[in-house]
Every structure is written in structure tokens, then in C-alpha cells.
Amino acid sequence: MEQANVHTSSELFTLQLPSKTESIAQLELLIEEIADKYHVAEDTFANMMTCLNEAAINAIIHGNKLDENKKVIINAEVEPKRIIWTVTDEGPGFDYANLPDPTAPENLENLTGRGVFIIKHLADQCIFNVSGNTIELHFKI
């Protein structure tokens, strides 16, 4: 027997941003658009906004070194029960497995170095590609 009104396919959204911090505004609009369209809960929306801001800023500053000729590519795949975001920069990547622990006493006063730590705690799943220039973030909806 066939079920009615079951959404089984996924929808894909893509954004290409120049590597400048002002580009983040476009990303925020996309997150808001998707959250509204798919009735994402407020706490999930807040976590997505925080994680994607961090990931995109890292891609722009650390990955692409603010080179406006390099792009940050953001994809959002919306499935029935989750959204999978990917953020990719054109930089060489980084060693995500050996980041300093921002909660260690010697790092508590540092102004930077918490982004990946925050992302890992707020996203339901966080996966880096081998070179470290793509992050995949999963959020249950």
C-alpha cells in the first residue's frame, strides 16, 4: 500500500562565496530560508547558524587566506529527518586531528582556536575530508 505525502527525496542548495568576511551575510540568509521552509526548531537553527558561521569564517580566513579570487562552496542537502551541510575552501586544508585543546589551561586565554571545538559540540555529526579543506555537518530536523 502506498503512503501519501511522504517526502523521501532530498533537496540541494548551493552557495559560492568570495573569500571575504562580508560574504557571511549571504550564508545567514540561506540558513534562515532553509530553517523557515523546513520548520527547523529554534535550538537546531541556532546551532546551525553558529556552526556554519564558524566553518565559513575558518574557510575564508584560514583556508583561502582572504583571497577573494578563491571561493568557499557551501552545500545544504535537506533530507526528511536531517540537513547535511558541507563547507569547502580552496586552501590546502589543515590537520584537524591535532588541534590544541581550547579547554586546556594554557589555551583558555587565547582569542582563537575554539571554532572546531564548538562545531563538534553543536552539530549532531562533524566529518572532515582527508586533507581538511571540507567539513560536513549533520543536523537532525
N, C-alpha and C. Protein backbone atom coordinates (compact mmCIF):
# COMPACT_ATOMS: atom_id res chain seq x y z
N MET A 1 0.84 -1.19 0.00
CA MET A 1 0.00 0.00 0.00
C MET A 1 0.89 1.25 0.00
N GLU A 2 0.49 2.22 -0.77
CA GLU A 2 1.29 3.44 -0.91
C GLU A 2 0.91 4.46 0.15
N GLN A 3 1.92 5.10 0.73
CA GLN A 3 1.66 6.15 1.71
C GLN A 3 1.55 7.49 0.99
N ALA A 4 0.68 8.31 1.45
CA ALA A 4 0.51 9.64 0.86
C ALA A 4 1.36 10.66 1.60
N ASN A 5 1.79 11.69 0.89
CA ASN A 5 2.51 12.83 1.47
C ASN A 5 3.81 12.46 2.17
N VAL A 6 4.52 11.47 1.69
CA VAL A 6 5.80 11.14 2.28
C VAL A 6 6.90 11.79 1.44
N HIS A 7 7.69 12.62 2.10
CA HIS A 7 8.78 13.32 1.41
C HIS A 7 10.05 12.48 1.56
N THR A 8 10.42 11.76 0.51
CA THR A 8 11.59 10.88 0.61
C THR A 8 12.81 11.42 -0.11
N SER A 9 12.60 12.30 -1.06
CA SER A 9 13.76 12.82 -1.79
C SER A 9 14.40 13.95 -0.99
N SER A 10 15.59 14.31 -1.41
CA SER A 10 16.27 15.41 -0.74
C SER A 10 16.34 16.60 -1.68
N GLU A 11 16.51 17.77 -1.10
CA GLU A 11 16.64 19.00 -1.88
C GLU A 11 18.02 19.56 -1.61
N LEU A 12 18.67 20.07 -2.67
CA LEU A 12 20.03 20.56 -2.54
C LEU A 12 20.09 22.07 -2.77
N PHE A 13 20.80 22.76 -1.89
CA PHE A 13 21.03 24.20 -2.01
C PHE A 13 22.54 24.40 -2.10
N THR A 14 22.98 25.32 -2.96
CA THR A 14 24.41 25.58 -3.11
C THR A 14 24.67 27.08 -3.10
N LEU A 15 25.77 27.45 -2.48
CA LEU A 15 26.17 28.85 -2.39
C LEU A 15 27.68 28.90 -2.63
N GLN A 16 28.12 29.82 -3.50
CA GLN A 16 29.55 30.06 -3.70
C GLN A 16 29.85 31.47 -3.23
N LEU A 17 30.73 31.56 -2.26
CA LEU A 17 31.04 32.86 -1.66
C LEU A 17 32.47 33.28 -1.96
N PRO A 18 32.68 34.57 -2.27
CA PRO A 18 34.06 35.07 -2.35
C PRO A 18 34.64 35.07 -0.94
N SER A 19 35.95 34.93 -0.85
CA SER A 19 36.61 34.82 0.45
C SER A 19 36.80 36.17 1.12
N LYS A 20 35.69 36.74 1.57
CA LYS A 20 35.73 37.95 2.38
C LYS A 20 34.66 37.80 3.46
N THR A 21 34.92 38.36 4.62
CA THR A 21 34.04 38.12 5.76
C THR A 21 32.62 38.64 5.52
N GLU A 22 32.45 39.64 4.66
CA GLU A 22 31.11 40.16 4.38
C GLU A 22 30.21 39.10 3.73
N SER A 23 30.82 38.08 3.12
CA SER A 23 30.05 37.02 2.45
C SER A 23 29.17 36.24 3.41
N ILE A 24 29.51 36.29 4.70
CA ILE A 24 28.77 35.50 5.70
C ILE A 24 27.29 35.88 5.69
N ALA A 25 26.96 37.12 5.38
CA ALA A 25 25.56 37.56 5.36
C ALA A 25 24.73 36.72 4.38
N GLN A 26 25.31 36.35 3.23
CA GLN A 26 24.59 35.52 2.27
C GLN A 26 24.31 34.13 2.84
N LEU A 27 25.30 33.59 3.55
CA LEU A 27 25.14 32.28 4.19
C LEU A 27 24.02 32.34 5.23
N GLU A 28 24.01 33.40 6.04
CA GLU A 28 22.98 33.53 7.08
C GLU A 28 21.58 33.58 6.46
N LEU A 29 21.45 34.26 5.31
CA LEU A 29 20.16 34.31 4.63
C LEU A 29 19.72 32.91 4.17
N LEU A 30 20.67 32.13 3.65
CA LEU A 30 20.36 30.77 3.21
C LEU A 30 19.92 29.90 4.40
N ILE A 31 20.63 30.01 5.51
CA ILE A 31 20.27 29.22 6.70
C ILE A 31 18.85 29.59 7.15
N GLU A 32 18.55 30.89 7.17
CA GLU A 32 17.21 31.34 7.57
C GLU A 32 16.14 30.83 6.60
N GLU A 33 16.43 30.88 5.31
CA GLU A 33 15.49 30.42 4.29
C GLU A 33 15.18 28.93 4.48
N ILE A 34 16.22 28.12 4.67
CA ILE A 34 16.04 26.69 4.85
C ILE A 34 15.31 26.40 6.16
N ALA A 35 15.69 27.09 7.22
CA ALA A 35 15.05 26.88 8.52
C ALA A 35 13.56 27.19 8.45
N ASP A 36 13.20 28.27 7.75
CA ASP A 36 11.78 28.63 7.61
C ASP A 36 11.04 27.59 6.76
N LYS A 37 11.63 27.23 5.64
CA LYS A 37 10.98 26.32 4.69
C LYS A 37 10.72 24.95 5.30
N TYR A 38 11.65 24.46 6.12
CA TYR A 38 11.55 23.11 6.68
C TYR A 38 11.18 23.10 8.16
N HIS A 39 10.75 24.23 8.68
CA HIS A 39 10.28 24.34 10.08
C HIS A 39 11.30 23.77 11.06
N VAL A 40 12.54 24.23 10.94
CA VAL A 40 13.61 23.77 11.82
C VAL A 40 13.41 24.38 13.21
N ALA A 41 13.56 23.56 14.23
CA ALA A 41 13.40 24.02 15.62
C ALA A 41 14.42 25.11 15.93
N GLU A 42 14.04 26.01 16.85
CA GLU A 42 14.90 27.16 17.17
C GLU A 42 16.29 26.76 17.66
N ASP A 43 16.37 25.73 18.51
CA ASP A 43 17.69 25.34 19.03
C ASP A 43 18.56 24.77 17.91
N THR A 44 17.97 23.99 17.01
CA THR A 44 18.72 23.45 15.87
C THR A 44 19.15 24.59 14.95
N PHE A 45 18.25 25.53 14.71
CA PHE A 45 18.57 26.70 13.89
C PHE A 45 19.76 27.46 14.48
N ALA A 46 19.74 27.70 15.78
CA ALA A 46 20.83 28.42 16.45
C ALA A 46 22.14 27.65 16.32
N ASN A 47 22.09 26.33 16.49
CA ASN A 47 23.30 25.51 16.35
C ASN A 47 23.84 25.54 14.91
N MET A 48 22.92 25.47 13.93
CA MET A 48 23.34 25.54 12.53
C MET A 48 24.00 26.88 12.25
N MET A 49 23.38 27.94 12.70
CA MET A 49 23.89 29.29 12.46
C MET A 49 25.30 29.43 13.05
N THR A 50 25.48 28.98 14.28
CA THR A 50 26.78 29.08 14.96
C THR A 50 27.84 28.24 14.23
N CYS A 51 27.51 26.99 13.94
CA CYS A 51 28.48 26.09 13.31
C CYS A 51 28.86 26.55 11.91
N LEU A 52 27.87 26.93 11.13
CA LEU A 52 28.16 27.32 9.75
C LEU A 52 28.89 28.65 9.67
N ASN A 53 28.58 29.56 10.58
CA ASN A 53 29.36 30.80 10.67
C ASN A 53 30.83 30.47 10.95
N GLU A 54 31.06 29.63 11.95
CA GLU A 54 32.44 29.23 12.31
C GLU A 54 33.14 28.57 11.14
N ALA A 55 32.47 27.60 10.51
CA ALA A 55 33.09 26.85 9.42
C ALA A 55 33.41 27.76 8.24
N ALA A 56 32.48 28.66 7.91
CA ALA A 56 32.69 29.56 6.77
C ALA A 56 33.79 30.58 7.06
N ILE A 57 33.80 31.13 8.27
CA ILE A 57 34.85 32.09 8.65
C ILE A 57 36.22 31.39 8.61
N ASN A 58 36.29 30.17 9.13
CA ASN A 58 37.56 29.41 9.08
C ASN A 58 37.99 29.19 7.64
N ALA A 59 37.04 28.84 6.75
CA ALA A 59 37.35 28.61 5.34
C ALA A 59 37.86 29.89 4.67
N ILE A 60 37.21 31.00 4.98
CA ILE A 60 37.59 32.28 4.38
C ILE A 60 38.96 32.74 4.87
N ILE A 61 39.16 32.72 6.19
CA ILE A 61 40.38 33.28 6.79
C ILE A 61 41.55 32.29 6.73
N HIS A 62 41.34 31.09 7.27
CA HIS A 62 42.44 30.13 7.38
C HIS A 62 42.64 29.32 6.10
N GLY A 63 41.55 28.94 5.45
CA GLY A 63 41.65 28.13 4.23
C GLY A 63 42.09 28.94 3.03
N ASN A 64 41.31 29.96 2.69
CA ASN A 64 41.56 30.75 1.49
C ASN A 64 42.36 32.02 1.76
N LYS A 65 42.75 32.26 2.99
CA LYS A 65 43.61 33.40 3.38
C LYS A 65 43.07 34.74 2.87
N LEU A 66 41.72 34.89 2.91
CA LEU A 66 41.05 36.12 2.47
C LEU A 66 41.35 36.49 1.02
N ASP A 67 41.71 35.49 0.19
CA ASP A 67 41.94 35.71 -1.23
C ASP A 67 40.58 35.68 -1.93
N GLU A 68 40.12 36.86 -2.35
CA GLU A 68 38.77 36.97 -2.92
C GLU A 68 38.62 36.25 -4.25
N ASN A 69 39.73 35.82 -4.87
CA ASN A 69 39.65 35.01 -6.09
C ASN A 69 39.34 33.55 -5.78
N LYS A 70 39.48 33.19 -4.50
CA LYS A 70 39.16 31.82 -4.09
C LYS A 70 37.76 31.80 -3.51
N LYS A 71 37.05 30.71 -3.77
CA LYS A 71 35.66 30.59 -3.34
C LYS A 71 35.53 29.65 -2.13
N VAL A 72 34.48 29.88 -1.38
CA VAL A 72 34.03 28.94 -0.36
C VAL A 72 32.71 28.39 -0.89
N ILE A 73 32.64 27.07 -1.05
CA ILE A 73 31.43 26.45 -1.58
C ILE A 73 30.67 25.80 -0.44
N ILE A 74 29.41 26.18 -0.33
CA ILE A 74 28.55 25.66 0.74
C ILE A 74 27.38 24.93 0.11
N ASN A 75 27.17 23.71 0.53
CA ASN A 75 26.03 22.92 0.08
C ASN A 75 25.19 22.53 1.27
N ALA A 76 23.89 22.52 1.07
CA ALA A 76 22.96 22.02 2.09
C ALA A 76 22.07 20.99 1.41
N GLU A 77 22.10 19.77 1.91
CA GLU A 77 21.22 18.73 1.41
C GLU A 77 20.17 18.47 2.48
N VAL A 78 18.93 18.80 2.15
CA VAL A 78 17.85 18.64 3.12
C VAL A 78 17.14 17.32 2.85
N GLU A 79 17.21 16.45 3.83
CA GLU A 79 16.54 15.15 3.78
C GLU A 79 15.34 15.21 4.72
N PRO A 80 14.49 14.18 4.71
CA PRO A 80 13.31 14.23 5.58
C PRO A 80 13.61 14.42 7.07
N LYS A 81 14.71 13.86 7.58
CA LYS A 81 14.96 13.94 9.01
C LYS A 81 16.26 14.66 9.39
N ARG A 82 17.00 15.15 8.39
CA ARG A 82 18.26 15.84 8.71
C ARG A 82 18.66 16.76 7.57
N ILE A 83 19.56 17.69 7.91
CA ILE A 83 20.20 18.55 6.91
C ILE A 83 21.70 18.27 6.99
N ILE A 84 22.29 18.02 5.83
CA ILE A 84 23.73 17.81 5.75
C ILE A 84 24.34 19.02 5.04
N TRP A 85 25.17 19.75 5.75
CA TRP A 85 25.86 20.91 5.20
C TRP A 85 27.30 20.53 4.90
N THR A 86 27.84 21.02 3.80
CA THR A 86 29.28 20.90 3.55
C THR A 86 29.83 22.29 3.26
N VAL A 87 31.00 22.56 3.81
CA VAL A 87 31.70 23.82 3.59
C VAL A 87 33.10 23.44 3.08
N THR A 88 33.42 23.91 1.87
CA THR A 88 34.70 23.57 1.23
C THR A 88 35.42 24.85 0.83
N ASP A 89 36.72 24.91 1.14
CA ASP A 89 37.52 26.04 0.67
C ASP A 89 38.56 25.54 -0.33
N GLU A 90 39.26 26.48 -0.95
CA GLU A 90 40.26 26.13 -1.96
C GLU A 90 41.67 26.13 -1.39
N GLY A 91 41.77 26.12 -0.08
CA GLY A 91 43.08 26.09 0.57
C GLY A 91 43.62 24.67 0.66
N PRO A 92 44.84 24.53 1.22
CA PRO A 92 45.48 23.21 1.31
C PRO A 92 44.89 22.30 2.39
N GLY A 93 44.03 22.86 3.24
CA GLY A 93 43.48 22.07 4.34
C GLY A 93 44.33 22.21 5.60
N PHE A 94 43.96 21.44 6.62
CA PHE A 94 44.71 21.51 7.88
C PHE A 94 44.58 20.19 8.61
N ASP A 95 45.40 20.00 9.61
CA ASP A 95 45.40 18.75 10.38
C ASP A 95 44.40 18.89 11.53
N TYR A 96 43.15 18.52 11.23
CA TYR A 96 42.07 18.66 12.21
C TYR A 96 42.21 17.70 13.39
N ALA A 97 43.02 16.66 13.25
CA ALA A 97 43.17 15.68 14.32
C ALA A 97 44.12 16.15 15.42
N ASN A 98 44.92 17.17 15.12
CA ASN A 98 45.92 17.62 16.10
C ASN A 98 45.77 19.09 16.48
N LEU A 99 44.53 19.50 16.66
CA LEU A 99 44.30 20.88 17.11
C LEU A 99 44.54 20.98 18.61
N PRO A 100 45.06 22.10 19.09
CA PRO A 100 45.22 22.27 20.53
C PRO A 100 43.85 22.26 21.22
N ASP A 101 43.80 21.71 22.41
CA ASP A 101 42.55 21.65 23.17
C ASP A 101 42.26 23.03 23.76
N PRO A 102 41.15 23.68 23.31
CA PRO A 102 40.86 25.03 23.82
C PRO A 102 40.47 25.05 25.29
N THR A 103 40.18 23.88 25.86
CA THR A 103 39.83 23.84 27.29
C THR A 103 41.04 23.60 28.19
N ALA A 104 42.20 23.37 27.57
CA ALA A 104 43.43 23.19 28.37
C ALA A 104 43.79 24.53 29.01
N PRO A 105 44.28 24.49 30.26
CA PRO A 105 44.57 25.74 30.98
C PRO A 105 45.43 26.73 30.20
N GLU A 106 46.42 26.22 29.47
CA GLU A 106 47.32 27.13 28.73
C GLU A 106 46.64 27.78 27.53
N ASN A 107 45.46 27.29 27.13
CA ASN A 107 44.77 27.84 25.96
C ASN A 107 43.52 28.65 26.30
N LEU A 108 43.15 28.69 27.56
CA LEU A 108 41.91 29.35 27.95
C LEU A 108 41.87 30.84 27.62
N GLU A 109 43.01 31.50 27.65
CA GLU A 109 43.07 32.94 27.41
C GLU A 109 43.16 33.28 25.91
N ASN A 110 43.39 32.27 25.06
CA ASN A 110 43.55 32.51 23.63
C ASN A 110 42.26 33.08 23.03
N LEU A 111 42.42 34.01 22.10
CA LEU A 111 41.26 34.63 21.46
C LEU A 111 40.72 33.77 20.32
N THR A 112 41.53 32.84 19.82
CA THR A 112 41.09 31.98 18.72
C THR A 112 41.30 30.52 19.11
N GLY A 113 40.86 29.63 18.23
CA GLY A 113 41.12 28.21 18.45
C GLY A 113 39.96 27.43 19.02
N ARG A 114 38.78 28.04 19.09
CA ARG A 114 37.63 27.33 19.66
C ARG A 114 36.61 26.87 18.62
N GLY A 115 36.77 27.32 17.38
CA GLY A 115 35.76 27.07 16.35
C GLY A 115 35.43 25.61 16.14
N VAL A 116 36.44 24.78 15.88
CA VAL A 116 36.19 23.36 15.63
C VAL A 116 35.64 22.69 16.88
N PHE A 117 36.14 23.08 18.04
CA PHE A 117 35.65 22.55 19.32
C PHE A 117 34.15 22.82 19.46
N ILE A 118 33.75 24.06 19.17
CA ILE A 118 32.33 24.44 19.25
C ILE A 118 31.51 23.66 18.24
N ILE A 119 31.99 23.59 17.00
CA ILE A 119 31.27 22.87 15.95
C ILE A 119 31.03 21.42 16.36
N LYS A 120 32.07 20.75 16.88
CA LYS A 120 31.94 19.34 17.25
C LYS A 120 30.90 19.14 18.35
N HIS A 121 30.71 20.16 19.19
CA HIS A 121 29.75 20.03 20.28
C HIS A 121 28.32 20.39 19.87
N LEU A 122 28.16 21.22 18.86
CA LEU A 122 26.82 21.68 18.48
C LEU A 122 26.20 20.89 17.33
N ALA A 123 27.01 20.36 16.43
CA ALA A 123 26.47 19.59 15.30
C ALA A 123 26.21 18.15 15.77
N ASP A 124 25.22 17.50 15.17
CA ASP A 124 24.96 16.10 15.52
C ASP A 124 26.08 15.20 15.02
N GLN A 125 26.70 15.58 13.92
CA GLN A 125 27.85 14.85 13.39
C GLN A 125 28.73 15.83 12.65
N CYS A 126 30.04 15.62 12.72
CA CYS A 126 31.02 16.51 12.09
C CYS A 126 32.09 15.64 11.46
N ILE A 127 32.26 15.75 10.14
CA ILE A 127 33.21 14.91 9.41
C ILE A 127 34.09 15.81 8.56
N PHE A 128 35.42 15.62 8.66
CA PHE A 128 36.36 16.33 7.80
C PHE A 128 36.80 15.40 6.68
N ASN A 129 37.10 15.96 5.50
CA ASN A 129 37.72 15.14 4.47
C ASN A 129 39.19 14.94 4.84
N VAL A 130 39.89 14.09 4.09
CA VAL A 130 41.26 13.72 4.44
C VAL A 130 42.19 14.92 4.53
N SER A 131 42.10 15.84 3.56
CA SER A 131 43.02 16.99 3.57
C SER A 131 42.61 18.08 4.56
N GLY A 132 41.35 18.08 4.99
CA GLY A 132 40.91 19.07 5.96
C GLY A 132 40.42 20.37 5.35
N ASN A 133 40.06 20.36 4.05
CA ASN A 133 39.52 21.60 3.47
C ASN A 133 38.02 21.49 3.21
N THR A 134 37.40 20.40 3.66
CA THR A 134 35.95 20.26 3.61
C THR A 134 35.46 19.72 4.95
N ILE A 135 34.41 20.36 5.47
CA ILE A 135 33.77 19.87 6.69
C ILE A 135 32.32 19.56 6.33
N GLU A 136 31.85 18.43 6.84
CA GLU A 136 30.46 18.03 6.63
C GLU A 136 29.78 18.03 8.00
N LEU A 137 28.65 18.74 8.08
CA LEU A 137 27.94 18.89 9.35
C LEU A 137 26.52 18.36 9.21
N HIS A 138 26.13 17.50 10.14
CA HIS A 138 24.78 16.92 10.12
C HIS A 138 23.96 17.50 11.27
N PHE A 139 22.72 17.86 10.95
CA PHE A 139 21.78 18.35 11.96
C PHE A 139 20.47 17.60 11.80
N LYS A 140 19.97 17.00 12.87
CA LYS A 140 18.65 16.35 12.83
C LYS A 140 17.56 17.41 12.84
N ILE A 141 16.53 17.19 12.01
CA ILE A 141 15.41 18.14 11.98
C ILE A 141 14.11 17.39 12.21
